[in-house]
Amino acid sequence: MKWLSLEAVASVAYKEFLHIYRDRRVLLLVLTLPPLFTLLFGHAFETGELTGVPSLLIDRDNTPRAQEFIDIISKNKTFQWKRGSPDTSSESDLLAYGVKAALVIPAAWNESLENGDPKPLLLYLDASDINTADAVEGSVRQSLGDFQLKQRDRMIETLPEEVFVLGKQLPVGESRVLRTAVAVMHAARGRRP
């Protein structure tokens, strides 16, 4: 079997070019479909920042800690929050409220955080637009992470001095991670180790 020569490939390409050039319908498709699909797929997989998603927020805990989380998540520009009554029972019916997401802070959430067994926040998402749903879930997770970071920093600030003294008494070669943690605690308090 002989390999195709460059001359044969050029001959076939020229023949196809003539067919496309003579048939105006095919020429129209060849010229319009690539830019059209580029625009269509570019919009479908767009990764721009999502803002102003209509969302419902229901606070059944009504504690200062829950309010602190609400303050953090309210600053997130992804959401346009509507406040729902704590007595709302149909928060999963997103269409009825005209929203794409609903976030519920359960009753006794603060208490569960204090006990070390936190209750999960309930997040209902409109799955008809998976890109928006993923972005909203990511924004809620980010806000929750910011809240946890703030809580951790507050906890470090209230640690007794004995914790820092015990941290200094640990053997030096034992753990680089532990030394780093002690340095972070001192930095949070504005001291040198």
N, C-alpha and C. Protein backbone atom coordinates (compact mmCIF):
# COMPACT_ATOMS: atom_id res chain seq x y z
N MET A 1 0.85 -1.18 0.00
CA MET A 1 0.00 0.00 0.00
C MET A 1 0.89 1.23 0.00
N LYS A 2 0.62 2.13 -0.89
CA LYS A 2 1.42 3.34 -1.01
C LYS A 2 0.83 4.44 -0.13
N TRP A 3 1.72 5.26 0.36
CA TRP A 3 1.28 6.41 1.14
C TRP A 3 0.69 7.45 0.21
N LEU A 4 -0.29 8.20 0.72
CA LEU A 4 -0.90 9.25 -0.09
C LEU A 4 0.12 10.34 -0.37
N SER A 5 0.15 10.76 -1.58
CA SER A 5 1.08 11.83 -1.92
C SER A 5 0.46 13.17 -1.57
N LEU A 6 1.29 14.16 -1.42
CA LEU A 6 0.83 15.51 -1.11
C LEU A 6 -0.01 16.06 -2.27
N GLU A 7 0.30 15.63 -3.46
CA GLU A 7 -0.44 16.06 -4.65
C GLU A 7 -1.88 15.53 -4.62
N ALA A 8 -2.06 14.28 -4.16
CA ALA A 8 -3.39 13.69 -4.08
C ALA A 8 -4.23 14.40 -3.02
N VAL A 9 -3.62 14.71 -1.88
CA VAL A 9 -4.33 15.41 -0.80
C VAL A 9 -4.74 16.79 -1.28
N ALA A 10 -3.87 17.49 -1.95
CA ALA A 10 -4.18 18.83 -2.47
C ALA A 10 -5.31 18.76 -3.50
N SER A 11 -5.33 17.71 -4.31
CA SER A 11 -6.37 17.54 -5.31
C SER A 11 -7.74 17.36 -4.67
N VAL A 12 -7.80 16.52 -3.63
CA VAL A 12 -9.07 16.29 -2.92
C VAL A 12 -9.51 17.57 -2.20
N ALA A 13 -8.58 18.27 -1.57
CA ALA A 13 -8.91 19.51 -0.86
C ALA A 13 -9.46 20.55 -1.83
N TYR A 14 -8.86 20.66 -3.01
CA TYR A 14 -9.33 21.61 -4.02
C TYR A 14 -10.74 21.25 -4.50
N LYS A 15 -10.99 19.95 -4.71
CA LYS A 15 -12.30 19.49 -5.14
C LYS A 15 -13.37 19.83 -4.08
N GLU A 16 -13.06 19.60 -2.79
CA GLU A 16 -14.01 19.91 -1.71
C GLU A 16 -14.25 21.40 -1.61
N PHE A 17 -13.19 22.19 -1.77
CA PHE A 17 -13.34 23.64 -1.75
C PHE A 17 -14.30 24.10 -2.84
N LEU A 18 -14.19 23.53 -4.04
CA LEU A 18 -15.08 23.90 -5.13
C LEU A 18 -16.53 23.53 -4.83
N HIS A 19 -16.75 22.35 -4.20
CA HIS A 19 -18.11 21.94 -3.83
C HIS A 19 -18.72 22.90 -2.81
N ILE A 20 -17.92 23.26 -1.82
CA ILE A 20 -18.43 24.18 -0.79
C ILE A 20 -18.69 25.56 -1.39
N TYR A 21 -17.80 26.02 -2.24
CA TYR A 21 -17.94 27.34 -2.84
C TYR A 21 -19.17 27.42 -3.75
N ARG A 22 -19.47 26.35 -4.44
CA ARG A 22 -20.60 26.35 -5.36
C ARG A 22 -21.95 26.22 -4.64
N ASP A 23 -21.96 25.51 -3.50
CA ASP A 23 -23.21 25.34 -2.75
C ASP A 23 -23.26 26.42 -1.66
N ARG A 24 -24.06 27.46 -1.88
CA ARG A 24 -24.11 28.61 -0.98
C ARG A 24 -24.63 28.23 0.43
N ARG A 25 -25.48 27.25 0.52
CA ARG A 25 -26.00 26.84 1.84
C ARG A 25 -24.89 26.28 2.71
N VAL A 26 -24.04 25.44 2.12
CA VAL A 26 -22.93 24.87 2.89
C VAL A 26 -21.93 25.96 3.25
N LEU A 27 -21.68 26.87 2.32
CA LEU A 27 -20.77 27.98 2.57
C LEU A 27 -21.28 28.84 3.73
N LEU A 28 -22.58 29.09 3.77
CA LEU A 28 -23.18 29.86 4.85
C LEU A 28 -22.99 29.14 6.20
N LEU A 29 -23.22 27.83 6.20
CA LEU A 29 -23.02 27.06 7.44
C LEU A 29 -21.57 27.07 7.89
N VAL A 30 -20.65 26.92 6.96
CA VAL A 30 -19.22 26.88 7.30
C VAL A 30 -18.77 28.23 7.88
N LEU A 31 -19.35 29.31 7.39
CA LEU A 31 -18.93 30.63 7.86
C LEU A 31 -19.65 31.08 9.13
N THR A 32 -20.88 30.63 9.38
CA THR A 32 -21.65 31.11 10.53
C THR A 32 -21.62 30.20 11.75
N LEU A 33 -21.55 28.88 11.57
CA LEU A 33 -21.62 27.98 12.73
C LEU A 33 -20.44 28.09 13.68
N PRO A 34 -19.20 28.16 13.22
CA PRO A 34 -18.10 28.27 14.20
C PRO A 34 -18.20 29.48 15.12
N PRO A 35 -18.46 30.70 14.60
CA PRO A 35 -18.61 31.82 15.55
C PRO A 35 -19.84 31.67 16.45
N LEU A 36 -20.92 31.11 15.93
CA LEU A 36 -22.13 30.92 16.72
C LEU A 36 -21.87 29.95 17.88
N PHE A 37 -21.23 28.82 17.60
CA PHE A 37 -20.92 27.86 18.66
C PHE A 37 -19.90 28.42 19.65
N THR A 38 -18.99 29.23 19.17
CA THR A 38 -18.03 29.86 20.08
C THR A 38 -18.75 30.75 21.08
N LEU A 39 -19.69 31.56 20.61
CA LEU A 39 -20.47 32.40 21.52
C LEU A 39 -21.34 31.58 22.45
N LEU A 40 -21.99 30.56 21.92
CA LEU A 40 -22.88 29.72 22.72
C LEU A 40 -22.12 29.00 23.82
N PHE A 41 -21.05 28.32 23.49
CA PHE A 41 -20.29 27.58 24.50
C PHE A 41 -19.52 28.53 25.42
N GLY A 42 -19.11 29.67 24.90
CA GLY A 42 -18.45 30.65 25.76
C GLY A 42 -19.38 31.15 26.85
N HIS A 43 -20.64 31.33 26.52
CA HIS A 43 -21.61 31.76 27.53
C HIS A 43 -21.97 30.62 28.48
N ALA A 44 -22.09 29.42 27.96
CA ALA A 44 -22.49 28.28 28.79
C ALA A 44 -21.44 27.95 29.84
N PHE A 45 -20.17 28.11 29.51
CA PHE A 45 -19.10 27.75 30.44
C PHE A 45 -18.40 28.99 31.00
N GLU A 46 -19.11 30.07 31.05
CA GLU A 46 -18.58 31.33 31.55
C GLU A 46 -18.24 31.20 33.03
N THR A 47 -17.11 31.74 33.44
CA THR A 47 -16.68 31.63 34.82
C THR A 47 -16.60 32.98 35.51
N GLY A 48 -17.35 33.95 35.03
CA GLY A 48 -17.36 35.26 35.65
C GLY A 48 -17.97 35.20 37.04
N GLU A 49 -17.77 36.26 37.81
CA GLU A 49 -18.29 36.29 39.17
C GLU A 49 -19.81 36.45 39.14
N LEU A 50 -20.47 35.63 39.89
CA LEU A 50 -21.92 35.65 39.97
C LEU A 50 -22.35 36.63 41.06
N THR A 51 -23.30 37.51 40.76
CA THR A 51 -23.76 38.48 41.76
C THR A 51 -25.28 38.58 41.72
N GLY A 52 -25.84 38.96 42.85
CA GLY A 52 -27.26 39.26 42.93
C GLY A 52 -28.20 38.09 42.77
N VAL A 53 -27.81 36.90 43.18
CA VAL A 53 -28.68 35.72 43.08
C VAL A 53 -29.78 35.85 44.14
N PRO A 54 -31.04 35.87 43.75
CA PRO A 54 -32.11 35.97 44.74
C PRO A 54 -32.12 34.74 45.65
N SER A 55 -32.03 34.99 46.96
CA SER A 55 -31.89 33.91 47.93
C SER A 55 -32.73 34.21 49.17
N LEU A 56 -33.16 33.16 49.81
CA LEU A 56 -33.98 33.26 51.02
C LEU A 56 -33.12 32.85 52.22
N LEU A 57 -33.15 33.65 53.29
CA LEU A 57 -32.39 33.36 54.51
C LEU A 57 -33.36 33.24 55.67
N ILE A 58 -33.33 32.08 56.31
CA ILE A 58 -34.21 31.83 57.46
C ILE A 58 -33.33 31.53 58.67
N ASP A 59 -33.47 32.37 59.71
CA ASP A 59 -32.70 32.20 60.94
C ASP A 59 -33.61 31.68 62.03
N ARG A 60 -33.48 30.40 62.33
CA ARG A 60 -34.30 29.79 63.39
C ARG A 60 -33.57 29.76 64.72
N ASP A 61 -32.32 30.21 64.73
CA ASP A 61 -31.52 30.18 65.95
C ASP A 61 -31.66 31.49 66.73
N ASN A 62 -31.62 32.62 66.03
CA ASN A 62 -31.76 33.94 66.65
C ASN A 62 -30.83 34.15 67.83
N THR A 63 -29.55 33.89 67.62
CA THR A 63 -28.54 34.12 68.65
C THR A 63 -27.51 35.10 68.10
N PRO A 64 -26.69 35.70 68.96
CA PRO A 64 -25.66 36.62 68.46
C PRO A 64 -24.67 35.94 67.51
N ARG A 65 -24.36 34.68 67.76
CA ARG A 65 -23.44 33.97 66.87
C ARG A 65 -24.07 33.76 65.49
N ALA A 66 -25.34 33.42 65.45
CA ALA A 66 -26.02 33.28 64.17
C ALA A 66 -26.09 34.62 63.46
N GLN A 67 -26.31 35.69 64.21
CA GLN A 67 -26.34 37.02 63.61
C GLN A 67 -24.97 37.40 63.05
N GLU A 68 -23.91 36.98 63.73
CA GLU A 68 -22.56 37.23 63.23
C GLU A 68 -22.33 36.53 61.89
N PHE A 69 -22.81 35.29 61.78
CA PHE A 69 -22.71 34.58 60.49
C PHE A 69 -23.55 35.27 59.43
N ILE A 70 -24.74 35.73 59.80
CA ILE A 70 -25.61 36.43 58.85
C ILE A 70 -24.94 37.71 58.36
N ASP A 71 -24.26 38.42 59.26
CA ASP A 71 -23.55 39.63 58.86
C ASP A 71 -22.46 39.31 57.84
N ILE A 72 -21.75 38.21 58.05
CA ILE A 72 -20.68 37.83 57.12
C ILE A 72 -21.26 37.44 55.76
N ILE A 73 -22.30 36.63 55.77
CA ILE A 73 -22.85 36.16 54.49
C ILE A 73 -23.63 37.27 53.78
N SER A 74 -24.10 38.26 54.52
CA SER A 74 -24.81 39.38 53.90
C SER A 74 -23.86 40.27 53.11
N LYS A 75 -22.59 40.28 53.48
CA LYS A 75 -21.59 41.07 52.76
C LYS A 75 -21.17 40.41 51.45
N ASN A 76 -21.51 39.14 51.29
CA ASN A 76 -21.16 38.41 50.07
C ASN A 76 -22.05 38.89 48.93
N LYS A 77 -21.43 39.44 47.89
CA LYS A 77 -22.18 40.04 46.78
C LYS A 77 -22.85 39.01 45.87
N THR A 78 -22.58 37.74 46.10
CA THR A 78 -23.21 36.70 45.30
C THR A 78 -24.72 36.69 45.54
N PHE A 79 -25.14 37.06 46.73
CA PHE A 79 -26.53 36.91 47.12
C PHE A 79 -27.28 38.23 47.18
N GLN A 80 -28.57 38.14 46.93
CA GLN A 80 -29.52 39.22 47.22
C GLN A 80 -30.54 38.58 48.16
N TRP A 81 -30.35 38.81 49.44
CA TRP A 81 -31.10 38.07 50.46
C TRP A 81 -32.50 38.63 50.67
N LYS A 82 -33.44 37.70 50.85
CA LYS A 82 -34.78 37.99 51.37
C LYS A 82 -34.81 37.28 52.71
N ARG A 83 -35.26 37.96 53.75
CA ARG A 83 -35.34 37.33 55.06
C ARG A 83 -36.69 36.62 55.19
N GLY A 84 -36.62 35.37 55.62
CA GLY A 84 -37.83 34.60 55.83
C GLY A 84 -38.13 34.47 57.32
N SER A 85 -39.35 34.21 57.63
CA SER A 85 -39.77 34.04 59.02
C SER A 85 -39.24 32.70 59.54
N PRO A 86 -38.85 32.66 60.82
CA PRO A 86 -38.40 31.39 61.40
C PRO A 86 -39.49 30.31 61.38
N ASP A 87 -40.75 30.72 61.25
CA ASP A 87 -41.86 29.77 61.23
C ASP A 87 -42.10 29.18 59.85
N THR A 88 -41.36 29.62 58.85
CA THR A 88 -41.53 29.13 57.48
C THR A 88 -41.29 27.63 57.45
N SER A 89 -42.22 26.90 56.85
CA SER A 89 -42.09 25.44 56.82
C SER A 89 -41.82 24.90 55.42
N SER A 90 -42.00 25.73 54.41
CA SER A 90 -41.84 25.24 53.04
C SER A 90 -40.64 25.91 52.36
N GLU A 91 -39.53 25.98 53.08
CA GLU A 91 -38.36 26.67 52.54
C GLU A 91 -37.77 25.99 51.31
N SER A 92 -38.08 24.73 51.11
CA SER A 92 -37.55 24.02 49.94
C SER A 92 -38.31 24.37 48.65
N ASP A 93 -39.45 25.05 48.76
CA ASP A 93 -40.22 25.45 47.59
C ASP A 93 -39.68 26.78 47.08
N LEU A 94 -38.59 26.71 46.33
CA LEU A 94 -37.90 27.91 45.86
C LEU A 94 -38.75 28.73 44.90
N LEU A 95 -39.54 28.06 44.07
CA LEU A 95 -40.38 28.77 43.11
C LEU A 95 -41.41 29.66 43.80
N ALA A 96 -41.96 29.18 44.89
CA ALA A 96 -42.98 29.95 45.60
C ALA A 96 -42.42 31.26 46.14
N TYR A 97 -41.15 31.27 46.51
CA TYR A 97 -40.51 32.47 47.04
C TYR A 97 -39.79 33.27 45.96
N GLY A 98 -39.72 32.74 44.75
CA GLY A 98 -39.05 33.44 43.66
C GLY A 98 -37.55 33.57 43.85
N VAL A 99 -36.93 32.52 44.41
CA VAL A 99 -35.49 32.55 44.68
C VAL A 99 -34.81 31.34 44.04
N LYS A 100 -33.50 31.40 43.97
CA LYS A 100 -32.72 30.28 43.43
C LYS A 100 -32.02 29.49 44.52
N ALA A 101 -32.06 30.00 45.76
CA ALA A 101 -31.42 29.31 46.88
C ALA A 101 -32.12 29.70 48.17
N ALA A 102 -32.08 28.79 49.13
CA ALA A 102 -32.60 29.08 50.47
C ALA A 102 -31.61 28.51 51.49
N LEU A 103 -31.23 29.34 52.44
CA LEU A 103 -30.31 28.94 53.50
C LEU A 103 -31.04 29.01 54.83
N VAL A 104 -31.01 27.90 55.57
CA VAL A 104 -31.72 27.82 56.85
C VAL A 104 -30.70 27.57 57.95
N ILE A 105 -30.67 28.48 58.94
CA ILE A 105 -29.87 28.28 60.14
C ILE A 105 -30.78 27.59 61.14
N PRO A 106 -30.49 26.33 61.49
CA PRO A 106 -31.43 25.58 62.34
C PRO A 106 -31.47 26.09 63.77
N ALA A 107 -32.57 25.78 64.44
CA ALA A 107 -32.71 26.13 65.85
C ALA A 107 -31.62 25.41 66.65
N ALA A 108 -31.12 26.07 67.67
CA ALA A 108 -30.08 25.55 68.57
C ALA A 108 -28.74 25.34 67.83
N TRP A 109 -28.51 26.07 66.77
CA TRP A 109 -27.25 25.97 66.03
C TRP A 109 -26.08 26.45 66.88
N ASN A 110 -26.27 27.56 67.58
CA ASN A 110 -25.22 28.09 68.45
C ASN A 110 -24.86 27.08 69.52
N GLU A 111 -25.87 26.49 70.13
CA GLU A 111 -25.64 25.50 71.19
C GLU A 111 -24.88 24.29 70.65
N SER A 112 -25.21 23.86 69.44
CA SER A 112 -24.52 22.71 68.87
C SER A 112 -23.06 23.04 68.57
N LEU A 113 -22.76 24.29 68.19
CA LEU A 113 -21.37 24.69 67.99
C LEU A 113 -20.61 24.68 69.31
N GLU A 114 -21.26 25.14 70.36
CA GLU A 114 -20.62 25.17 71.68
C GLU A 114 -20.34 23.74 72.17
N ASN A 115 -21.22 22.80 71.87
CA ASN A 115 -21.05 21.42 72.32
C ASN A 115 -20.06 20.64 71.46
N GLY A 116 -19.61 21.20 70.36
CA GLY A 116 -18.65 20.51 69.50
C GLY A 116 -19.28 19.53 68.53
N ASP A 117 -20.60 19.55 68.42
CA ASP A 117 -21.30 18.68 67.48
C ASP A 117 -22.23 19.56 66.64
N PRO A 118 -21.66 20.32 65.69
CA PRO A 118 -22.47 21.32 64.99
C PRO A 118 -23.55 20.73 64.10
N LYS A 119 -24.71 21.38 64.16
CA LYS A 119 -25.79 21.04 63.24
C LYS A 119 -25.47 21.63 61.88
N PRO A 120 -25.77 20.91 60.81
CA PRO A 120 -25.48 21.46 59.49
C PRO A 120 -26.48 22.56 59.12
N LEU A 121 -25.98 23.53 58.36
CA LEU A 121 -26.87 24.53 57.78
C LEU A 121 -27.58 23.87 56.61
N LEU A 122 -28.86 24.17 56.43
CA LEU A 122 -29.61 23.59 55.32
C LEU A 122 -29.56 24.55 54.15
N LEU A 123 -29.13 24.06 53.00
CA LEU A 123 -29.04 24.87 51.80
C LEU A 123 -29.83 24.19 50.70
N TYR A 124 -30.85 24.86 50.21
CA TYR A 124 -31.66 24.35 49.10
C TYR A 124 -31.27 25.14 47.85
N LEU A 125 -30.99 24.42 46.77
CA LEU A 125 -30.54 25.05 45.53
C LEU A 125 -31.45 24.70 44.37
N ASP A 126 -31.58 25.63 43.43
CA ASP A 126 -32.32 25.39 42.20
C ASP A 126 -31.40 24.64 41.25
N ALA A 127 -31.69 23.38 41.01
CA ALA A 127 -30.82 22.53 40.20
C ALA A 127 -31.05 22.70 38.70
N SER A 128 -31.97 23.57 38.31
CA SER A 128 -32.20 23.76 36.88
C SER A 128 -31.04 24.50 36.21
N ASP A 129 -30.26 25.24 37.00
CA ASP A 129 -29.07 25.92 36.49
C ASP A 129 -27.89 25.46 37.34
N ILE A 130 -27.22 24.43 36.88
CA ILE A 130 -26.17 23.79 37.68
C ILE A 130 -24.98 24.72 37.91
N ASN A 131 -24.68 25.61 36.96
CA ASN A 131 -23.57 26.54 37.14
C ASN A 131 -23.84 27.50 38.29
N THR A 132 -25.06 28.04 38.33
CA THR A 132 -25.43 28.94 39.42
C THR A 132 -25.46 28.20 40.74
N ALA A 133 -26.00 26.99 40.75
CA ALA A 133 -26.08 26.21 41.98
C ALA A 133 -24.68 25.95 42.55
N ASP A 134 -23.74 25.58 41.70
CA ASP A 134 -22.37 25.34 42.16
C ASP A 134 -21.73 26.61 42.71
N ALA A 135 -21.95 27.74 42.03
CA ALA A 135 -21.37 29.00 42.47
C ALA A 135 -21.97 29.43 43.81
N VAL A 136 -23.28 29.25 43.98
CA VAL A 136 -23.94 29.62 45.23
C VAL A 136 -23.43 28.74 46.37
N GLU A 137 -23.32 27.45 46.13
CA GLU A 137 -22.81 26.56 47.18
C GLU A 137 -21.38 26.94 47.56
N GLY A 138 -20.56 27.26 46.57
CA GLY A 138 -19.19 27.69 46.85
C GLY A 138 -19.14 28.97 47.66
N SER A 139 -20.03 29.91 47.37
CA SER A 139 -20.07 31.17 48.12
C SER A 139 -20.51 30.96 49.56
N VAL A 140 -21.48 30.06 49.76
CA VAL A 140 -21.91 29.75 51.13
C VAL A 140 -20.76 29.11 51.90
N ARG A 141 -20.05 28.18 51.26
CA ARG A 141 -18.90 27.54 51.91
C ARG A 141 -17.81 28.56 52.25
N GLN A 142 -17.57 29.50 51.35
CA GLN A 142 -16.57 30.53 51.60
C GLN A 142 -16.98 31.40 52.79
N SER A 143 -18.23 31.80 52.84
CA SER A 143 -18.71 32.62 53.96
C SER A 143 -18.64 31.85 55.27
N LEU A 144 -18.96 30.56 55.22
CA LEU A 144 -18.87 29.74 56.42
C LEU A 144 -17.41 29.60 56.87
N GLY A 145 -16.50 29.48 55.91
CA GLY A 145 -15.07 29.43 56.24
C GLY A 145 -14.60 30.73 56.88
N ASP A 146 -15.07 31.89 56.36
CA ASP A 146 -14.72 33.17 56.97
C ASP A 146 -15.25 33.26 58.40
N PHE A 147 -16.46 32.77 58.60
CA PHE A 147 -17.06 32.75 59.94
C PHE A 147 -16.23 31.88 60.89
N GLN A 148 -15.83 30.71 60.44
CA GLN A 148 -15.04 29.81 61.28
C GLN A 148 -13.68 30.40 61.60
N LEU A 149 -13.08 31.08 60.64
CA LEU A 149 -11.79 31.73 60.87
C LEU A 149 -11.91 32.82 61.93
N LYS A 150 -12.98 33.58 61.86
CA LYS A 150 -13.22 34.62 62.86
C LYS A 150 -13.45 34.01 64.24
N GLN A 151 -14.18 32.91 64.29
CA GLN A 151 -14.42 32.23 65.57
C GLN A 151 -13.12 31.68 66.15
N ARG A 152 -12.27 31.12 65.27
CA ARG A 152 -10.98 30.58 65.73
C ARG A 152 -10.09 31.68 66.29
N ASP A 153 -10.04 32.81 65.59
CA ASP A 153 -9.22 33.92 66.07
C ASP A 153 -9.71 34.43 67.42
N ARG A 154 -11.03 34.48 67.60
CA ARG A 154 -11.58 34.91 68.88
C ARG A 154 -11.21 33.91 69.98
N MET A 155 -11.22 32.61 69.65
CA MET A 155 -10.87 31.59 70.63
C MET A 155 -9.40 31.72 71.04
N ILE A 156 -8.52 31.97 70.07
CA ILE A 156 -7.09 32.10 70.37
C ILE A 156 -6.84 33.30 71.26
N GLU A 157 -7.57 34.38 71.02
CA GLU A 157 -7.39 35.58 71.83
C GLU A 157 -7.79 35.35 73.29
N THR A 158 -8.69 34.43 73.54
CA THR A 158 -9.16 34.20 74.91
C THR A 158 -8.45 33.05 75.62
N LEU A 159 -7.44 32.47 74.97
CA LEU A 159 -6.70 31.39 75.63
C LEU A 159 -5.93 31.92 76.82
N PRO A 160 -5.87 31.15 77.90
CA PRO A 160 -5.10 31.61 79.06
C PRO A 160 -3.60 31.58 78.78
N GLU A 161 -2.87 32.35 79.55
CA GLU A 161 -1.41 32.46 79.39
C GLU A 161 -0.72 31.11 79.58
N GLU A 162 -1.30 30.22 80.37
CA GLU A 162 -0.68 28.92 80.64
C GLU A 162 -0.49 28.10 79.36
N VAL A 163 -1.37 28.26 78.41
CA VAL A 163 -1.26 27.52 77.14
C VAL A 163 0.02 27.92 76.43
N PHE A 164 0.34 29.20 76.45
CA PHE A 164 1.55 29.67 75.78
C PHE A 164 2.80 29.20 76.53
N VAL A 165 2.71 29.19 77.87
CA VAL A 165 3.84 28.72 78.68
C VAL A 165 4.08 27.24 78.41
N LEU A 166 3.03 26.44 78.39
CA LEU A 166 3.19 25.01 78.10
C LEU A 166 3.74 24.77 76.70
N GLY A 167 3.34 25.59 75.76
CA GLY A 167 3.83 25.47 74.40
C GLY A 167 5.33 25.70 74.31
N LYS A 168 5.85 26.60 75.14
CA LYS A 168 7.29 26.88 75.15
C LYS A 168 8.08 25.75 75.81
N GLN A 169 7.43 24.97 76.68
CA GLN A 169 8.13 23.91 77.40
C GLN A 169 8.25 22.61 76.61
N LEU A 170 7.59 22.51 75.48
CA LEU A 170 7.67 21.29 74.68
C LEU A 170 9.06 21.15 74.09
N PRO A 171 9.52 19.90 73.90
CA PRO A 171 10.85 19.68 73.31
C PRO A 171 10.92 20.33 71.92
N VAL A 172 12.08 20.91 71.63
CA VAL A 172 12.24 21.69 70.40
C VAL A 172 12.17 20.82 69.16
N GLY A 173 12.75 19.63 69.17
CA GLY A 173 12.81 18.80 67.97
C GLY A 173 11.56 17.99 67.72
N GLU A 174 10.57 18.07 68.58
CA GLU A 174 9.40 17.21 68.47
C GLU A 174 8.54 17.50 67.24
N SER A 175 8.09 18.74 67.14
CA SER A 175 7.13 18.99 66.07
C SER A 175 7.24 20.42 65.57
N ARG A 176 7.53 20.54 64.30
CA ARG A 176 7.61 21.85 63.68
C ARG A 176 6.21 22.47 63.60
N VAL A 177 5.20 21.63 63.42
CA VAL A 177 3.82 22.13 63.33
C VAL A 177 3.40 22.76 64.65
N LEU A 178 3.74 22.13 65.76
CA LEU A 178 3.36 22.64 67.07
C LEU A 178 4.05 23.98 67.34
N ARG A 179 5.33 24.09 66.98
CA ARG A 179 6.03 25.37 67.16
C ARG A 179 5.38 26.45 66.33
N THR A 180 4.97 26.10 65.12
CA THR A 180 4.30 27.06 64.26
C THR A 180 2.97 27.49 64.87
N ALA A 181 2.24 26.54 65.45
CA ALA A 181 0.95 26.86 66.08
C ALA A 181 1.16 27.81 67.25
N VAL A 182 2.20 27.59 68.05
CA VAL A 182 2.48 28.49 69.17
C VAL A 182 2.84 29.87 68.66
N ALA A 183 3.64 29.93 67.59
CA ALA A 183 4.00 31.22 67.01
C ALA A 183 2.77 31.95 66.49
N VAL A 184 1.84 31.21 65.90
CA VAL A 184 0.61 31.82 65.40
C VAL A 184 -0.22 32.36 66.56
N MET A 185 -0.28 31.62 67.66
CA MET A 185 -1.04 32.08 68.83
C MET A 185 -0.43 33.37 69.37
N HIS A 186 0.91 33.41 69.44
CA HIS A 186 1.56 34.63 69.92
C HIS A 186 1.32 35.79 68.97
N ALA A 187 1.38 35.52 67.68
CA ALA A 187 1.14 36.58 66.70
C ALA A 187 -0.27 37.12 66.82
N ALA A 188 -1.21 36.23 67.09
CA ALA A 188 -2.61 36.66 67.25
C ALA A 188 -2.77 37.56 68.46
N ARG A 189 -1.95 37.32 69.48
CA ARG A 189 -2.03 38.14 70.70
C ARG A 189 -1.08 39.34 70.62
N GLY A 190 -0.27 39.43 69.57
CA GLY A 190 0.63 40.56 69.41
C GLY A 190 1.90 40.44 70.24
N ARG A 191 2.33 39.22 70.51
CA ARG A 191 3.55 38.98 71.31
C ARG A 191 4.58 38.26 70.49
N ARG A 192 5.78 38.24 71.04
CA ARG A 192 6.85 37.45 70.44
C ARG A 192 6.97 36.13 71.19
N PRO A 193 7.27 35.02 70.48
CA PRO A 193 7.42 33.73 71.17
C PRO A 193 8.65 33.68 72.05
